[in-house]
C-alpha atoms as a PDB file:
ATOM      1  CA  MET A   1     -15.370 -27.906  42.401  1.00  0.00           C
ATOM      2  CA  CYS A   2     -14.498 -24.688  40.578  1.00  0.00           C
ATOM      3  CA  ASN A   3     -10.846 -23.683  40.496  1.00  0.00           C
ATOM      4  CA  ARG A   4     -11.328 -20.027  41.387  1.00  0.00           C
ATOM      5  CA  GLY A   5      -8.614 -17.604  40.457  1.00  0.00           C
ATOM      6  CA  GLY A   6      -6.680 -20.170  38.412  1.00  0.00           C
ATOM      7  CA  PRO A   7      -5.769 -19.633  34.750  1.00  0.00           C
ATOM      8  CA  ILE A   8      -8.204 -20.904  32.147  1.00  0.00           C
ATOM      9  CA  SER A   9      -6.432 -23.277  29.775  1.00  0.00           C
ATOM     10  CA  THR A  10      -6.890 -22.607  26.063  1.00  0.00           C
ATOM     11  CA  GLU A  11      -5.150 -25.842  25.090  1.00  0.00           C
ATOM     12  CA  PRO A  12      -7.435 -28.525  23.634  1.00  0.00           C
ATOM     13  CA  ARG A  13      -7.713 -31.819  25.456  1.00  0.00           C
ATOM     14  CA  ILE A  14      -5.695 -34.611  23.885  1.00  0.00           C
ATOM     15  CA  ASN A  15      -5.442 -38.385  24.274  1.00  0.00           C
ATOM     16  CA  ASP A  16      -6.076 -39.563  27.865  1.00  0.00           C
ATOM     17  CA  ARG A  17      -7.255 -36.093  28.941  1.00  0.00           C
ATOM     18  CA  ILE A  18     -10.429 -36.563  26.896  1.00  0.00           C
ATOM     19  CA  ARG A  19     -13.142 -37.758  29.304  1.00  0.00           C
ATOM     20  CA  VAL A  20     -16.236 -38.679  27.278  1.00  0.00           C
ATOM     21  CA  PRO A  21     -17.715 -42.084  26.389  1.00  0.00           C
ATOM     22  CA  GLU A  22     -17.698 -41.485  22.621  1.00  0.00           C
ATOM     23  CA  VAL A  23     -16.484 -38.953  20.047  1.00  0.00           C
ATOM     24  CA  ARG A  24     -17.179 -37.941  16.462  1.00  0.00           C
ATOM     25  CA  LEU A  25     -13.876 -38.898  14.863  1.00  0.00           C
ATOM     26  CA  VAL A  26     -12.138 -37.158  11.967  1.00  0.00           C
ATOM     27  CA  GLY A  27      -9.284 -39.007  10.305  1.00  0.00           C
ATOM     28  CA  PRO A  28      -5.728 -37.735   9.590  1.00  0.00           C
ATOM     29  CA  SER A  29      -6.684 -36.532   6.095  1.00  0.00           C
ATOM     30  CA  GLY A  30      -9.921 -34.884   7.211  1.00  0.00           C
ATOM     31  CA  GLU A  31     -12.151 -37.843   6.364  1.00  0.00           C
ATOM     32  CA  GLN A  32     -15.221 -38.417   8.527  1.00  0.00           C
ATOM     33  CA  VAL A  33     -14.902 -41.685  10.464  1.00  0.00           C
ATOM     34  CA  GLY A  34     -18.128 -41.211  12.407  1.00  0.00           C
ATOM     35  CA  ILE A  35     -19.132 -41.629  16.039  1.00  0.00           C
ATOM     36  CA  VAL A  36     -16.921 -44.169  17.796  1.00  0.00           C
ATOM     37  CA  PRO A  37     -16.228 -45.115  21.438  1.00  0.00           C
ATOM     38  CA  LEU A  38     -13.367 -43.166  23.010  1.00  0.00           C
ATOM     39  CA  ALA A  39     -11.386 -46.378  23.515  1.00  0.00           C
ATOM     40  CA  LYS A  40     -11.613 -47.132  19.797  1.00  0.00           C
ATOM     41  CA  ALA A  41     -10.506 -43.596  18.880  1.00  0.00           C
ATOM     42  CA  LEU A  42      -7.492 -43.858  21.195  1.00  0.00           C
ATOM     43  CA  GLU A  43      -6.663 -47.223  19.709  1.00  0.00           C
ATOM     44  CA  LEU A  44      -6.694 -45.764  16.187  1.00  0.00           C
ATOM     45  CA  ALA A  45      -4.501 -42.846  17.316  1.00  0.00           C
ATOM     46  CA  GLN A  46      -1.943 -45.298  18.670  1.00  0.00           C
ATOM     47  CA  GLU A  47      -2.148 -47.360  15.490  1.00  0.00           C
ATOM     48  CA  TYR A  48      -1.431 -44.298  13.300  1.00  0.00           C
ATOM     49  CA  ASP A  49       1.189 -43.027  15.793  1.00  0.00           C
ATOM     50  CA  LEU A  50      -0.796 -39.788  16.112  1.00  0.00           C
ATOM     51  CA  ASP A  51      -2.604 -37.838  18.826  1.00  0.00           C
ATOM     52  CA  LEU A  52      -6.341 -37.746  19.434  1.00  0.00           C
ATOM     53  CA  VAL A  53      -7.160 -34.027  19.695  1.00  0.00           C
ATOM     54  CA  GLU A  54     -10.504 -32.588  20.776  1.00  0.00           C
ATOM     55  CA  VAL A  55     -11.249 -29.863  18.189  1.00  0.00           C
ATOM     56  CA  ALA A  56     -14.887 -29.106  19.072  1.00  0.00           C
ATOM     57  CA  ALA A  57     -15.495 -29.668  22.763  1.00  0.00           C
ATOM     58  CA  THR A  58     -19.036 -28.200  22.788  1.00  0.00           C
ATOM     59  CA  ALA A  59     -20.381 -30.533  20.096  1.00  0.00           C
ATOM     60  CA  ARG A  60     -22.444 -33.537  21.144  1.00  0.00           C
ATOM     61  CA  PRO A  61     -20.571 -35.797  20.999  1.00  0.00           C
ATOM     62  CA  PRO A  62     -17.294 -33.801  20.948  1.00  0.00           C
ATOM     63  CA  VAL A  63     -15.406 -33.787  17.652  1.00  0.00           C
ATOM     64  CA  CYS A  64     -11.893 -35.202  17.784  1.00  0.00           C
ATOM     65  CA  LYS A  65      -9.244 -35.442  15.088  1.00  0.00           C
ATOM     66  CA  LEU A  66      -6.236 -37.669  14.577  1.00  0.00           C
ATOM     67  CA  MET A  67      -3.150 -35.482  14.094  1.00  0.00           C
ATOM     68  CA  ASP A  68       0.457 -34.878  15.071  1.00  0.00           C
ATOM     69  CA  TYR A  69      -0.295 -32.333  17.795  1.00  0.00           C
ATOM     70  CA  GLY A  70       3.324 -31.229  18.255  1.00  0.00           C
ATOM     71  CA  LYS A  71       3.647 -30.467  14.540  1.00  0.00           C
ATOM     72  CA  PHE A  72       0.269 -28.728  14.574  1.00  0.00           C
ATOM     73  CA  LYS A  73       1.331 -26.427  17.429  1.00  0.00           C
ATOM     74  CA  TYR A  74       4.629 -25.604  15.716  1.00  0.00           C
ATOM     75  CA  GLU A  75       2.963 -24.718  12.408  1.00  0.00           C
ATOM     76  CA  SER A  76       0.352 -22.609  14.204  1.00  0.00           C
ATOM     77  CA  ALA A  77       3.092 -20.692  16.040  1.00  0.00           C
ATOM     78  CA  MET A  78       4.933 -20.070  12.751  1.00  0.00           C
ATOM     79  CA  LYS A  79       1.756 -18.756  11.105  1.00  0.00           C
ATOM     80  CA  ALA A  80       1.090 -16.427  14.025  1.00  0.00           C
ATOM     81  CA  ARG A  81       4.674 -15.183  13.911  1.00  0.00           C
ATOM     82  CA  GLU A  82       4.443 -14.511  10.172  1.00  0.00           C
ATOM     83  CA  ALA A  83       1.146 -12.667  10.655  1.00  0.00           C
ATOM     84  CA  ARG A  84       2.743 -10.417  13.280  1.00  0.00           C
ATOM     85  CA  LYS A  85       5.712  -9.835  10.997  1.00  0.00           C
ATOM     86  CA  ASN A  86       3.421  -8.722   8.183  1.00  0.00           C
ATOM     87  CA  GLN A  87       1.370  -6.397  10.342  1.00  0.00           C
ATOM     88  CA  ALA A  88       1.216  -2.883   8.964  1.00  0.00           C
ATOM     89  CA  HIS A  89       1.400   0.332  10.960  1.00  0.00           C
ATOM     90  CA  THR A  90      -0.555   3.367   9.921  1.00  0.00           C
ATOM     91  CA  VAL A  91       1.932   6.128  10.647  1.00  0.00           C
ATOM     92  CA  ILE A  92       1.425   9.859  10.263  1.00  0.00           C
ATOM     93  CA  LYS A  93       4.685  11.730   9.865  1.00  0.00           C
ATOM     94  CA  GLU A  94       4.797  15.498  10.265  1.00  0.00           C
ATOM     95  CA  MET A  95       6.945  17.865   8.254  1.00  0.00           C
ATOM     96  CA  LYS A  96       7.124  21.589   9.102  1.00  0.00           C
ATOM     97  CA  LEU A  97       7.953  24.302   6.592  1.00  0.00           C
ATOM     98  CA  ARG A  98       8.087  28.099   6.527  1.00  0.00           C
ATOM     99  CA  PRO A  99       6.261  30.102   3.824  1.00  0.00           C
ATOM    100  CA  LYS A 100       9.549  31.616   2.545  1.00  0.00           C
ATOM    101  CA  ILE A 101      11.601  28.449   2.728  1.00  0.00           C
ATOM    102  CA  ASP A 102      15.039  28.383   1.093  1.00  0.00           C
ATOM    103  CA  PRO A 103      15.178  26.292  -2.144  1.00  0.00           C
ATOM    104  CA  HIS A 104      17.824  23.965  -0.682  1.00  0.00           C
ATOM    105  CA  ASP A 105      15.787  23.439   2.501  1.00  0.00           C
ATOM    106  CA  TYR A 106      12.701  22.794   0.382  1.00  0.00           C
ATOM    107  CA  ASP A 107      14.495  20.060  -1.554  1.00  0.00           C
ATOM    108  CA  THR A 108      15.638  18.476   1.720  1.00  0.00           C
ATOM    109  CA  LYS A 109      12.131  18.536   3.177  1.00  0.00           C
ATOM    110  CA  LYS A 110      10.677  17.193  -0.052  1.00  0.00           C
ATOM    111  CA  GLY A 111      13.168  14.334   0.104  1.00  0.00           C
ATOM    112  CA  HIS A 112      11.856  13.385   3.540  1.00  0.00           C
ATOM    113  CA  VAL A 113       8.266  13.485   2.274  1.00  0.00           C
ATOM    114  CA  VAL A 114       9.202  11.297  -0.702  1.00  0.00           C
ATOM    115  CA  ARG A 115      10.804   8.740   1.608  1.00  0.00           C
ATOM    116  CA  PHE A 116       7.803   8.702   3.937  1.00  0.00           C
ATOM    117  CA  LEU A 117       5.370   8.162   1.059  1.00  0.00           C
ATOM    118  CA  LYS A 118       7.546   5.388  -0.374  1.00  0.00           C
ATOM    119  CA  GLN A 119       7.331   3.678   3.029  1.00  0.00           C
ATOM    120  CA  GLY A 120       3.540   3.785   2.751  1.00  0.00           C
ATOM    121  CA  ASP A 121       3.143   6.409   5.492  1.00  0.00           C
ATOM    122  CA  LYS A 122       0.901   9.447   5.528  1.00  0.00           C
ATOM    123  CA  VAL A 123       2.534  12.864   5.838  1.00  0.00           C
ATOM    124  CA  LYS A 124       1.086  15.890   7.630  1.00  0.00           C
ATOM    125  CA  ILE A 125       2.582  19.055   6.145  1.00  0.00           C
ATOM    126  CA  THR A 126       2.464  22.118   8.401  1.00  0.00           C
ATOM    127  CA  ILE A 127       3.236  25.639   7.185  1.00  0.00           C
ATOM    128  CA  MET A 128       4.173  27.874  10.138  1.00  0.00           C
ATOM    129  CA  PHE A 129       3.350  31.583   9.791  1.00  0.00           C
ATOM    130  CA  ARG A 130       5.070  34.183  11.930  1.00  0.00           C
ATOM    131  CA  GLY A 131       4.450  37.897  12.340  1.00  0.00           C
ATOM    132  CA  ARG A 132       3.316  39.583   9.143  1.00  0.00           C
ATOM    133  CA  GLU A 133       3.367  36.271   7.288  1.00  0.00           C
ATOM    134  CA  GLN A 134      -0.063  35.574   8.786  1.00  0.00           C
ATOM    135  CA  SER A 135      -1.544  38.164   6.444  1.00  0.00           C
ATOM    136  CA  ARG A 136      -0.272  36.203   3.401  1.00  0.00           C
ATOM    137  CA  PRO A 137      -1.946  32.759   3.667  1.00  0.00           C
ATOM    138  CA  GLU A 138      -1.744  32.408  -0.106  1.00  0.00           C
ATOM    139  CA  LEU A 139       2.022  31.889   0.258  1.00  0.00           C
ATOM    140  CA  GLY A 140       1.430  28.789   2.367  1.00  0.00           C
ATOM    141  CA  PHE A 141      -1.292  27.521   0.064  1.00  0.00           C
ATOM    142  CA  ARG A 142       0.941  27.835  -3.001  1.00  0.00           C
ATOM    143  CA  LEU A 143       3.808  26.095  -1.213  1.00  0.00           C
ATOM    144  CA  LEU A 144       1.584  23.182  -0.192  1.00  0.00           C
ATOM    145  CA  GLN A 145       0.188  22.886  -3.699  1.00  0.00           C
ATOM    146  CA  ARG A 146       3.717  22.919  -5.135  1.00  0.00           C
ATOM    147  CA  LEU A 147       4.795  20.140  -2.798  1.00  0.00           C
ATOM    148  CA  ALA A 148       1.716  18.058  -3.641  1.00  0.00           C
ATOM    149  CA  ASP A 149       2.458  18.463  -7.360  1.00  0.00           C
ATOM    150  CA  ASP A 150       6.112  17.475  -6.868  1.00  0.00           C
ATOM    151  CA  VAL A 151       5.200  14.177  -5.164  1.00  0.00           C
ATOM    152  CA  GLN A 152       1.989  13.360  -7.041  1.00  0.00           C
ATOM    153  CA  ASP A 153       3.511  10.138  -8.418  1.00  0.00           C
ATOM    154  CA  LEU A 154       3.877   8.824  -4.847  1.00  0.00           C
ATOM    155  CA  GLY A 155       0.968  10.395  -2.984  1.00  0.00           C
ATOM    156  CA  PHE A 156      -2.246  12.375  -3.173  1.00  0.00           C
ATOM    157  CA  ILE A 157      -3.883  15.139  -1.164  1.00  0.00           C
ATOM    158  CA  GLU A 158      -5.929  13.307   1.460  1.00  0.00           C
ATOM    159  CA  SER A 159      -6.819  16.455   3.404  1.00  0.00           C
ATOM    160  CA  SER A 160      -6.843  19.789   1.545  1.00  0.00           C
ATOM    161  CA  PRO A 161      -4.899  22.760   2.951  1.00  0.00           C
ATOM    162  CA  LYS A 162      -6.722  24.494   5.779  1.00  0.00           C
ATOM    163  CA  GLN A 163      -5.868  27.236   8.244  1.00  0.00           C
ATOM    164  CA  ASP A 164      -5.350  26.207  11.879  1.00  0.00           C
ATOM    165  CA  GLY A 165      -4.469  29.265  13.934  1.00  0.00           C
ATOM    166  CA  ARG A 166      -1.033  30.463  12.821  1.00  0.00           C
ATOM    167  CA  ASN A 167      -0.474  27.275  10.826  1.00  0.00           C
ATOM    168  CA  MET A 168      -1.767  25.845   7.560  1.00  0.00           C
ATOM    169  CA  ILE A 169      -2.078  22.056   7.382  1.00  0.00           C
ATOM    170  CA  MET A 170      -2.356  19.535   4.560  1.00  0.00           C
ATOM    171  CA  VAL A 171      -2.221  15.727   4.722  1.00  0.00           C
ATOM    172  CA  LEU A 172      -0.729  13.620   1.931  1.00  0.00           C
ATOM    173  CA  GLY A 173      -1.668   9.962   1.584  1.00  0.00           C
ATOM    174  CA  PRO A 174       0.505   7.359  -0.184  1.00  0.00           C
ATOM    175  CA  HIS A 175      -0.636   5.625  -3.365  1.00  0.00           C
ATOM    176  CA  LYS A 176       1.188   2.498  -2.207  1.00  0.00           C
ATOM    177  CA  LYS A 177      -0.266   0.521   0.683  1.00  0.00           C
ATOM    178  CA  LYS A 178       1.926   0.023   3.740  1.00  0.00           C
ATOM    179  CA  THR A 179       1.960  -3.751   3.260  1.00  0.00           C
ATOM    180  CA  GLU A 180       3.105  -3.336  -0.351  1.00  0.00           C
ATOM    181  CA  ALA A 181       5.909  -1.007   0.705  1.00  0.00           C
ATOM    182  CA  MET A 182       7.052  -3.480   3.359  1.00  0.00           C
ATOM    183  CA  ALA A 183       7.000  -6.374   0.885  1.00  0.00           C
ATOM    184  CA  GLU A 184       8.934  -4.349  -1.678  1.00  0.00           C
ATOM    185  CA  ALA A 185      11.590  -3.365   0.858  1.00  0.00           C
ATOM    186  CA  ARG A 186      12.020  -7.006   1.892  1.00  0.00           C
ATOM    187  CA  ALA A 187      12.218  -8.118  -1.757  1.00  0.00           C
ATOM    188  CA  ILE A 188      14.952  -5.551  -2.466  1.00  0.00           C
ATOM    189  CA  ALA A 189      16.882  -6.614   0.638  1.00  0.00           C
ATOM    190  CA  ASP A 190      16.548 -10.304  -0.277  1.00  0.00           C
ATOM    191  CA  ALA A 191      17.659  -9.649  -3.864  1.00  0.00           C
ATOM    192  CA  ARG A 192      20.730  -7.764  -2.694  1.00  0.00           C
ATOM    193  CA  LYS A 193      21.541 -10.469  -0.185  1.00  0.00           C
ATOM    194  CA  ALA A 194      21.309 -13.146  -2.900  1.00  0.00           C
ATOM    195  CA  GLU A 195      23.466 -11.032  -5.204  1.00  0.00           C
ATOM    196  CA  ARG A 196      26.113 -10.605  -2.527  1.00  0.00           C
ATOM    197  CA  GLN A 197      26.127 -14.318  -1.765  1.00  0.00           C
ATOM    198  CA  GLY A 198      26.498 -15.099  -5.471  1.00  0.00           C
ATOM    199  CA  ARG A 199      29.475 -12.774  -5.816  1.00  0.00           C
ATOM    200  CA  ASN A 200      30.994 -14.107  -2.629  1.00  0.00           C
ATOM    201  CA  THR A 201      31.043 -17.669  -3.998  1.00  0.00           C
ATOM    202  CA  GLY A 202      32.255 -16.609  -7.465  1.00  0.00           C
ATOM    203  CA  PRO A 203      35.842 -16.296  -8.659  1.00  0.00           C
ATOM    204  CA  GLU A 204      35.827 -12.504  -8.304  1.00  0.00           C
ATOM    205  CA  ALA A 205      34.542 -12.180  -4.737  1.00  0.00           C
ATOM    206  CA  ASP A 206      34.614  -8.749  -3.130  1.00  0.00           C
ATOM    207  CA  ASP A 207      36.660  -8.265  -0.007  1.00  0.00           C
ATOM    208  CA  ASP A 208      34.937  -8.668   3.375  1.00  0.00           C
ATOM    209  CA  ALA A 209      34.976  -4.983   4.223  1.00  0.00           C
ATOM    210  CA  ALA A 210      33.099  -4.033   1.047  1.00  0.00           C
ATOM    211  CA  LEU A 211      30.540  -6.765   1.595  1.00  0.00           C
ATOM    212  CA  GLU A 212      29.944  -5.677   5.178  1.00  0.00           C
ATOM    213  CA  ALA A 213      29.479  -2.055   4.086  1.00  0.00           C
ATOM    214  CA  GLU A 214      26.979  -2.989   1.379  1.00  0.00           C
ATOM    215  CA  ASN A 215      25.137  -5.293   3.750  1.00  0.00           C
ATOM    216  CA  ALA A 216      24.763  -2.515   6.308  1.00  0.00           C
ATOM    217  CA  ALA A 217      23.491  -0.137   3.622  1.00  0.00           C
ATOM    218  CA  ALA A 218      20.880  -2.623   2.387  1.00  0.00           C
ATOM    219  CA  GLU A 219      19.620  -3.321   5.899  1.00  0.00           C
ATOM    220  CA  ALA A 220      19.419   0.378   6.676  1.00  0.00           C
ATOM    221  CA  GLU A 221      17.365   1.006   3.547  1.00  0.00           C
ATOM    222  CA  ALA A 222      15.056  -1.958   4.177  1.00  0.00           C
ATOM    223  CA  ASP A 223      14.375  -0.824   7.747  1.00  0.00           C
ATOM    224  CA  GLU A 224      13.952   2.824   6.642  1.00  0.00           C
ATOM    225  CA  ILE A 225      15.722   4.310   9.641  1.00  0.00           C
ATOM    226  CA  ASP A 226      14.933   8.011   9.694  1.00  0.00           C
ATOM    227  CA  GLU A 227      18.125   9.356  11.183  1.00  0.00           C
ATOM    228  CA  ALA A 228      17.584  12.694   9.457  1.00  0.00           C
ATOM    229  CA  ASP A 229      14.448  13.249  11.511  1.00  0.00           C
ATOM    230  CA  GLU A 230      16.248  12.735  14.809  1.00  0.00           C
ATOM    231  CA  ALA A 231      18.864  15.291  13.767  1.00  0.00           C
ATOM    232  CA  ASP A 232      16.193  17.921  13.041  1.00  0.00           C
ATOM    233  CA  GLU A 233      13.748  17.697  15.947  1.00  0.00           C
ATOM    234  CA  SER A 234      12.556  21.268  15.478  1.00  0.00           C
ATOM    235  CA  ASP A 235      11.138  20.446  12.047  1.00  0.00           C
ATOM    236  CA  VAL A 236       9.976  16.842  12.244  1.00  0.00           C
ATOM    237  CA  GLU A 237       7.795  15.843  15.193  1.00  0.00           C
ATOM    238  CA  ALA A 238       7.377  12.364  16.565  1.00  0.00           C
ATOM    239  CA  ALA A 239       5.161  10.094  14.467  1.00  0.00           C
ATOM    240  CA  THR A 240       1.830   8.891  15.821  1.00  0.00           C
ATOM    241  CA  GLU A 241       1.516   5.129  15.363  1.00  0.00           C
ATOM    242  CA  VAL A 242      -1.653   3.029  15.386  1.00  0.00           C
ATOM    243  CA  GLU A 243      -1.048  -0.697  14.969  1.00  0.00           C
ATOM    244  CA  GLN A 244      -3.593  -2.631  12.998  1.00  0.00           C
ATOM    245  CA  PRO A 245      -3.691  -5.858  11.010  1.00  0.00           C
ATOM    246  CA  ALA A 246      -2.564  -5.681   7.421  1.00  0.00           C
ATOM    247  CA  GLU A 247      -6.073  -6.499   6.219  1.00  0.00           C
ATOM    248  CA  ALA A 248      -7.415  -3.423   8.011  1.00  0.00           C
ATOM    249  CA  SER A 249      -4.813  -1.020   6.671  1.00  0.00           C
ATOM    250  CA  GLN A 250      -6.122  -0.713   3.156  1.00  0.00           C
ATOM    251  CA  GLY A 251      -6.417   3.009   3.535  1.00  0.00           C
ATOM    252  CA  ALA A 252      -2.877   3.389   4.802  1.00  0.00           C
END
């Protein structure tokens, strides 16, 4: 009788839950044992102190393998966790500028763009025209081209400058993939952590306060917390995030 409305189990059948007269048995090292009666397969599992796990239920007869099922589940969970950890996010940051921006403000904005590109994120640059500035689109074009030239070592023009109403928009793409940026940030954080631990066990250990301060700085850099953006909401809009597997983010 069908169990309507109940959850469908994705767990494979193991040991006494396997209900077939015979199975195609695979040994602990992947060797093919052949088709054997279920009782014989269970006997071998007990002899090896392993579990009999049904790995291909739709085969005729079903394929079962001798393995440590608890260890198998643990390793599978760790692999899934690592895969989630290494997932990349394609993020588009937005930076707004005025055609007649002050040199100091330009350097600040450029610093944000540099940081975004180093993180492996795309950056949408928007030039906002007001009043009579709309009659001088070449000012915005030159500013966008200048910015692209200043960060050409980190990114490239993915979408050329184009007019959009009272704004002019350009998109910069990073040379470095998001996954590479994440790996580099982790490597830097790990190296600093190892360096701190080495100094802490040496004869000239730093005091605890200094170590805590450096640790906080390293973690902040690794996580790339954009506190400057939150303090300037009128210029930097919220990022649009699309989560995708690292393998699919090659264009990030």
